[in-house]
Amino acid sequence: MTQDGSNEVIRLPESAVLALAADFLLSHGLGADHAGSMARILTAAQRDGCLSHGLQRLPGTRDTISHPRFNRTPDPKPVDVSAAITRIDAQYGFSCLAVDRGLSSLVEKARTLGVAILAVNNGFHSTALWPVVEAIADHGLVALSMNPTHAWVAPSGGRQGLLGTNPLAFAWPRRDAPPYVFDFATSAAARAEIARYRQEGRTTPEGWGLDSDGEDTRDPAAILAGAMLPFGGHKGSALATMIELMAGPFIADRTSRVSMEFDAGASAAPCHGELIIAFSPGILGDEDPLDAAESLFQGFREQDARLPGERRYRERETSHRLGIPVSKSLLERIRV
């Protein structure tokens, strides 16, 4: 069975998947740049086997597009706050377009100063963060990105949602290999993953969430109606809180609880800020940090341990050879 619940899968060229996503978004009134940016990031997730963050999200974008504050045709422009800081307002469109338009400033400043910040405000959540940090690492820079979401996650020891799923992504450049990249939610599972369990009629693993009475449950529908849990107990809760602060008040944007209040029951994607930081890997010394890092990565290979990101790269290579897998049932939903 595929990750999106269908046994029937076809493989399409990347250009066809990109066109499929873009046409869907254009048909719902998004401007060309806006639709193209969102289509590219969804296609990247689908191509790399992250199906819960790929085309599966397209039908749900209709709820976000219907939000009374959503802007179908934003025109975000980067603003220089200082020599090291760029701010860009997504203007209540999907955040990916603002990120795309702010990246060149971030990269240039990080190369010049050694470290730079891109603060994205007022963007509706797009999808995974890893395509952005990987793109920054392709410029030879280290990258870190984070954002709040909605108050779906109970803090460690709590019983009701307060924190977001609050993803954290990191990328480290490498000379003779794709960047080292990780991207994970600070909740025990991504919300889209729990929704996939519900769609497939499966129970979740233990420790993923609580029902509306604050009791442990493995019923994905009950978790979605109740509260998710952080990974690693108090450790995941602390990381999620850090992200609330750094990608919320620090950049003058919403926490997950305020994002949920802003939604006002519209069931749209969270509207929040995103903090992206880029570092020059040679900023603090003369020794080549990329060469030094390879000895650490070699230690993984010596133990036959998987480096985060390797599965995505394998899926990407397969998609390039055979086409990107898309379930027929999902295609029918997108083409309606």
Protein backbone atom coordinates (compact mmCIF):
# COMPACT_ATOMS: atom_id res chain seq x y z
CA MET A 1 0.00 0.00 0.00
CA THR A 2 1.25 3.47 -0.79
CA GLN A 3 1.69 6.20 1.81
CA ASP A 4 -1.49 7.93 0.66
CA GLY A 5 -3.64 4.83 1.07
CA SER A 6 -3.95 3.53 -2.49
CA ASN A 7 -2.62 0.32 -4.02
CA GLU A 8 -2.66 1.73 -7.56
CA VAL A 9 0.27 3.98 -8.40
CA ILE A 10 1.45 5.47 -11.65
CA ARG A 11 4.74 7.24 -12.28
CA LEU A 12 4.84 10.61 -14.00
CA PRO A 13 7.70 12.78 -15.24
CA GLU A 14 8.63 15.58 -12.85
CA SER A 15 7.46 18.15 -15.40
CA ALA A 16 4.00 16.52 -15.46
CA VAL A 17 3.71 16.50 -11.66
CA LEU A 18 4.80 20.14 -11.52
CA ALA A 19 2.25 21.09 -14.18
CA LEU A 20 -0.48 19.13 -12.38
CA ALA A 21 0.14 21.00 -9.13
CA ALA A 22 0.50 24.39 -10.79
CA ASP A 23 -2.67 23.95 -12.87
CA PHE A 24 -4.65 23.03 -9.75
CA LEU A 25 -3.47 26.14 -7.92
CA LEU A 26 -3.96 28.41 -10.94
CA SER A 27 -7.50 27.09 -11.30
CA HIS A 28 -8.19 28.29 -7.76
CA GLY A 29 -7.05 31.81 -8.52
CA LEU A 30 -3.42 31.89 -7.47
CA GLY A 31 -1.10 34.17 -9.45
CA ALA A 32 1.48 32.50 -11.67
CA ASP A 33 4.50 33.15 -9.40
CA HIS A 34 2.54 32.10 -6.33
CA ALA A 35 1.25 28.89 -7.92
CA GLY A 36 4.65 28.05 -9.37
CA SER A 37 6.44 28.41 -6.04
CA MET A 38 3.94 26.22 -4.20
CA ALA A 39 3.89 23.66 -7.01
CA ARG A 40 7.68 23.33 -6.96
CA ILE A 41 7.90 22.63 -3.24
CA LEU A 42 5.03 20.11 -3.30
CA THR A 43 6.60 18.38 -6.31
CA ALA A 44 9.96 18.18 -4.54
CA ALA A 45 8.35 16.46 -1.57
CA GLN A 46 6.47 14.01 -3.82
CA ARG A 47 9.63 13.30 -5.84
CA ASP A 48 11.63 12.53 -2.70
CA GLY A 49 9.06 10.14 -1.24
CA CYS A 50 7.70 12.55 1.41
CA LEU A 51 4.16 11.89 0.27
CA SER A 52 2.43 13.36 3.34
CA HIS A 53 4.03 16.70 2.38
CA GLY A 54 3.57 16.36 -1.37
CA LEU A 55 0.56 16.32 -3.68
CA GLN A 56 -1.60 14.94 -0.88
CA ARG A 57 -1.69 18.52 0.43
CA LEU A 58 -3.19 19.99 -2.74
CA PRO A 59 -6.88 19.25 -2.05
CA GLY A 60 -6.51 20.79 1.40
CA THR A 61 -5.13 24.02 -0.03
CA ARG A 62 -8.70 24.90 -0.98
CA ASP A 63 -9.53 25.45 2.70
CA THR A 64 -6.54 27.75 3.05
CA ILE A 65 -7.30 29.64 -0.16
CA SER A 66 -10.85 30.17 1.16
CA HIS A 67 -9.60 31.83 4.37
CA PRO A 68 -10.90 35.44 4.42
CA ARG A 69 -7.39 36.84 4.84
CA PHE A 70 -5.70 34.66 2.22
CA ASN A 71 -4.10 36.61 -0.64
CA ARG A 72 -4.14 34.78 -3.97
CA THR A 73 -1.82 37.28 -5.68
CA PRO A 74 0.78 38.50 -3.17
CA ASP A 75 3.88 40.36 -4.32
CA PRO A 76 6.35 40.00 -1.43
CA LYS A 77 9.53 42.08 -1.56
CA PRO A 78 12.58 41.68 0.70
CA VAL A 79 13.49 44.58 3.00
CA ASP A 80 17.00 45.13 4.36
CA VAL A 81 16.69 45.51 8.14
CA SER A 82 20.46 45.56 8.64
CA ALA A 83 23.62 44.31 7.00
CA ALA A 84 22.82 40.83 8.34
CA ILE A 85 19.03 40.74 8.45
CA THR A 86 16.41 40.61 5.71
CA ARG A 87 12.68 40.72 6.38
CA ILE A 88 9.97 39.81 3.89
CA ASP A 89 6.22 39.94 4.35
CA ALA A 90 4.41 37.05 2.65
CA GLN A 91 1.31 39.27 2.50
CA TYR A 92 -0.96 36.41 3.62
CA GLY A 93 -0.11 34.16 0.70
CA PHE A 94 1.69 30.83 0.98
CA SER A 95 5.03 31.46 2.67
CA CYS A 96 7.06 29.65 -0.02
CA LEU A 97 6.90 32.57 -2.48
CA ALA A 98 8.29 34.99 0.12
CA VAL A 99 11.04 32.52 0.99
CA ASP A 100 11.96 32.13 -2.69
CA ARG A 101 12.24 35.89 -3.09
CA GLY A 102 14.26 36.39 0.09
CA LEU A 103 16.84 33.63 -0.39
CA SER A 104 19.25 35.54 -2.64
CA SER A 105 19.56 38.31 -0.05
CA LEU A 106 20.12 35.76 2.72
CA VAL A 107 22.82 33.96 0.76
CA GLU A 108 24.63 37.16 -0.23
CA LYS A 109 24.65 38.48 3.33
CA ALA A 110 25.83 35.18 4.81
CA ARG A 111 28.71 35.03 2.32
CA THR A 112 29.69 38.62 3.12
CA LEU A 113 29.27 38.61 6.91
CA GLY A 114 29.49 34.92 7.80
CA VAL A 115 25.96 34.76 9.23
CA ALA A 116 22.60 36.17 8.13
CA ILE A 117 18.91 35.97 9.02
CA LEU A 118 15.81 35.89 6.84
CA ALA A 119 12.58 36.62 8.72
CA VAL A 120 9.39 35.73 6.86
CA ASN A 121 6.15 37.16 8.25
CA ASN A 122 2.44 36.55 7.65
CA GLY A 123 2.73 33.43 5.52
CA PHE A 124 0.31 30.54 5.33
CA HIS A 125 2.18 27.28 5.87
CA SER A 126 3.44 25.66 2.67
CA THR A 127 4.96 22.23 3.36
CA ALA A 128 8.30 20.73 4.40
CA LEU A 129 11.27 22.96 5.27
CA TRP A 130 14.04 20.74 3.93
CA PRO A 131 13.91 21.90 0.27
CA VAL A 132 14.81 25.43 1.41
CA VAL A 133 17.71 24.50 3.69
CA GLU A 134 19.03 22.11 1.05
CA ALA A 135 18.96 24.93 -1.53
CA ILE A 136 20.96 27.13 0.86
CA ALA A 137 23.50 24.34 1.44
CA ASP A 138 23.91 24.05 -2.34
CA HIS A 139 25.46 27.54 -2.08
CA GLY A 140 28.08 26.18 0.33
CA LEU A 141 26.35 27.52 3.44
CA VAL A 142 25.03 25.91 6.61
CA ALA A 143 21.29 26.51 7.08
CA LEU A 144 18.75 26.34 9.88
CA SER A 145 14.99 26.92 9.55
CA MET A 146 12.01 26.73 11.91
CA ASN A 147 8.41 27.83 12.30
CA PRO A 148 5.42 27.49 14.66
CA THR A 149 2.14 26.04 13.38
CA HIS A 150 -1.18 25.74 15.28
CA ALA A 151 -1.62 24.91 18.97
CA TRP A 152 -2.15 21.21 18.30
CA VAL A 153 0.50 19.83 20.69
CA ALA A 154 0.21 19.52 24.46
CA PRO A 155 3.38 20.42 26.37
CA SER A 156 5.05 17.60 28.26
CA GLY A 157 2.81 16.81 31.24
CA GLY A 158 -0.08 18.82 29.78
CA ARG A 159 -3.45 17.70 28.44
CA GLN A 160 -4.42 20.34 25.88
CA GLY A 161 -2.86 21.85 22.78
CA LEU A 162 -0.55 24.83 23.37
CA LEU A 163 2.50 24.31 21.15
CA GLY A 164 2.74 23.69 17.43
CA THR A 165 4.22 20.72 15.61
CA ASN A 166 7.04 23.23 15.11
CA PRO A 167 9.36 21.73 12.49
CA LEU A 168 13.12 22.24 12.61
CA ALA A 169 15.33 21.79 9.54
CA PHE A 170 19.12 21.86 9.20
CA ALA A 171 21.50 21.46 6.26
CA TRP A 172 25.29 21.09 6.07
CA PRO A 173 27.05 21.38 2.68
CA ARG A 174 29.34 18.64 1.36
CA ARG A 175 31.73 18.72 -1.57
CA ASP A 176 31.36 15.24 -2.99
CA ALA A 177 27.91 14.29 -1.75
CA PRO A 178 24.49 15.90 -1.41
CA PRO A 179 24.08 18.08 1.70
CA TYR A 180 23.44 16.49 5.06
CA VAL A 181 19.83 17.49 5.76
CA PHE A 182 17.29 16.76 8.46
CA ASP A 183 13.78 18.09 8.87
CA PHE A 184 11.47 16.90 11.61
CA ALA A 185 8.50 18.00 13.65
CA THR A 186 9.05 18.42 17.38
CA SER A 187 5.81 16.51 17.88
CA ALA A 188 5.97 12.72 18.04
CA ALA A 189 4.68 12.67 14.44
CA ALA A 190 3.78 15.24 11.83
CA ARG A 191 0.09 16.12 11.75
CA ALA A 192 -0.08 15.06 8.10
CA GLU A 193 1.26 11.66 9.15
CA ILE A 194 -1.52 11.22 11.70
CA ALA A 195 -4.06 12.28 9.07
CA ARG A 196 -2.61 9.60 6.78
CA TYR A 197 -3.14 6.95 9.49
CA ARG A 198 -6.77 8.06 9.78
CA GLN A 199 -7.20 7.93 6.00
CA GLU A 200 -5.79 4.40 5.90
CA GLY A 201 -7.88 3.19 8.86
CA ARG A 202 -4.83 2.37 10.99
CA THR A 203 -4.10 2.99 14.66
CA THR A 204 -1.04 5.07 15.52
CA PRO A 205 1.92 3.96 17.63
CA GLU A 206 1.78 4.64 21.35
CA GLY A 207 2.69 8.10 22.54
CA TRP A 208 1.51 10.11 19.57
CA GLY A 209 -1.42 11.86 21.17
CA LEU A 210 -4.32 12.39 23.54
CA ASP A 211 -8.07 12.41 23.04
CA SER A 212 -10.26 15.43 23.85
CA ASP A 213 -10.38 14.33 27.50
CA GLY A 214 -6.58 14.38 27.72
CA GLU A 215 -6.28 10.58 27.81
CA ASP A 216 -3.75 8.54 25.84
CA THR A 217 -5.13 7.17 22.60
CA ARG A 218 -3.98 5.44 19.43
CA ASP A 219 -7.05 6.51 17.45
CA PRO A 220 -5.79 9.05 14.86
CA ALA A 221 -9.20 10.74 14.60
CA ALA A 222 -9.27 11.18 18.39
CA ILE A 223 -5.75 12.62 18.35
CA LEU A 224 -6.65 15.10 15.62
CA ALA A 225 -9.67 16.17 17.69
CA GLY A 226 -7.66 16.18 20.92
CA ALA A 227 -3.95 16.95 21.24
CA MET A 228 -0.72 15.65 19.80
CA LEU A 229 2.31 14.94 21.99
CA PRO A 230 5.92 16.15 21.67
CA PHE A 231 8.63 13.63 20.90
CA GLY A 232 10.95 12.74 23.75
CA GLY A 233 8.73 14.16 26.48
CA HIS A 234 10.19 17.29 28.07
CA LYS A 235 13.01 17.47 25.49
CA GLY A 236 10.71 17.79 22.51
CA SER A 237 8.51 20.15 24.51
CA ALA A 238 11.51 22.41 25.22
CA LEU A 239 12.59 22.45 21.55
CA ALA A 240 9.04 23.28 20.47
CA THR A 241 8.97 26.14 22.97
CA MET A 242 12.27 27.47 21.64
CA ILE A 243 10.81 27.50 18.12
CA GLU A 244 7.67 29.26 19.37
CA LEU A 245 9.90 32.04 20.73
CA MET A 246 12.47 32.26 17.93
CA ALA A 247 10.02 32.09 15.01
CA GLY A 248 7.26 33.95 16.85
CA PRO A 249 8.02 36.90 19.16
CA PHE A 250 11.67 37.15 18.06
CA ILE A 251 10.61 38.00 14.50
CA ALA A 252 7.43 39.82 15.56
CA ASP A 253 5.04 37.11 14.43
CA ARG A 254 2.46 34.69 15.87
CA THR A 255 2.88 31.86 18.31
CA SER A 256 0.98 28.67 17.50
CA ARG A 257 -1.83 29.61 19.86
CA VAL A 258 -2.23 33.03 18.24
CA SER A 259 -2.08 31.40 14.79
CA MET A 260 -4.96 29.13 15.78
CA GLU A 261 -6.94 32.13 17.04
CA PHE A 262 -6.27 33.88 13.73
CA ASP A 263 -7.67 30.85 11.88
CA ALA A 264 -11.00 31.31 13.69
CA GLY A 265 -12.25 27.84 12.74
CA ALA A 266 -11.56 28.17 9.00
CA SER A 267 -9.45 24.95 8.95
CA ALA A 268 -6.78 26.74 6.90
CA ALA A 269 -3.07 26.02 7.10
CA PRO A 270 -1.37 27.88 9.98
CA CYS A 271 -0.47 31.51 9.30
CA HIS A 272 2.82 32.25 10.98
CA GLY A 273 6.40 33.44 10.65
CA GLU A 274 9.46 31.50 9.56
CA LEU A 275 13.02 32.05 10.73
CA ILE A 276 15.85 31.04 8.39
CA ILE A 277 19.50 31.44 9.37
CA ALA A 278 22.48 30.88 7.08
CA PHE A 279 26.11 30.52 8.21
CA SER A 280 29.37 30.44 6.33
CA PRO A 281 31.03 27.20 7.48
CA GLY A 282 34.49 28.84 7.60
CA ILE A 283 33.47 31.78 9.77
CA LEU A 284 35.28 30.75 12.96
CA GLY A 285 38.59 29.26 11.88
CA ASP A 286 41.16 28.51 9.22
CA GLU A 287 40.70 24.72 9.25
CA ASP A 288 38.35 23.50 6.55
CA PRO A 289 35.18 22.51 8.41
CA LEU A 290 33.78 20.56 5.44
CA ASP A 291 36.77 18.21 5.46
CA ALA A 292 36.57 17.85 9.24
CA ALA A 293 32.86 17.01 9.01
CA GLU A 294 33.51 14.12 6.63
CA SER A 295 35.28 12.18 9.38
CA LEU A 296 32.05 12.33 11.37
CA PHE A 297 29.96 11.17 8.41
CA GLN A 298 32.50 8.38 7.82
CA GLY A 299 31.74 7.18 11.34
CA PHE A 300 28.12 6.61 10.30
CA ARG A 301 29.24 4.56 7.31
CA GLU A 302 31.59 2.47 9.44
CA GLN A 303 28.61 1.44 11.58
CA ASP A 304 26.23 1.01 8.63
CA ALA A 305 24.09 3.72 10.21
CA ARG A 306 21.82 5.81 8.01
CA LEU A 307 22.45 9.52 7.73
CA PRO A 308 19.27 11.59 7.79
CA GLY A 309 18.35 12.58 4.26
CA GLU A 310 19.77 9.49 2.58
CA ARG A 311 16.35 7.92 2.05
CA ARG A 312 15.11 11.09 0.33
CA TYR A 313 18.10 11.10 -2.00
CA ARG A 314 17.49 7.44 -2.92
CA GLU A 315 13.84 8.18 -3.63
CA ARG A 316 14.87 11.19 -5.71
CA GLU A 317 17.21 9.11 -7.84
CA THR A 318 14.46 6.52 -8.41
CA SER A 319 11.99 9.25 -9.35
CA HIS A 320 14.47 10.67 -11.84
CA ARG A 321 14.87 7.24 -13.45
CA LEU A 322 11.32 5.94 -13.33
CA GLY A 323 9.10 8.95 -12.76
CA ILE A 324 7.44 10.31 -9.62
CA PRO A 325 4.90 7.95 -8.01
CA VAL A 326 1.36 9.29 -7.60
CA SER A 327 -1.64 7.20 -6.56
CA LYS A 328 -4.56 7.09 -8.98
CA SER A 329 -6.99 7.95 -6.21
CA LEU A 330 -5.05 11.12 -5.40
CA LEU A 331 -4.91 12.06 -9.07
CA GLU A 332 -8.70 11.78 -9.24
CA ARG A 333 -9.06 14.08 -6.23
CA ILE A 334 -6.70 16.66 -7.76
CA ARG A 335 -8.31 16.57 -11.19
CA VAL A 336 -11.90 17.06 -9.92
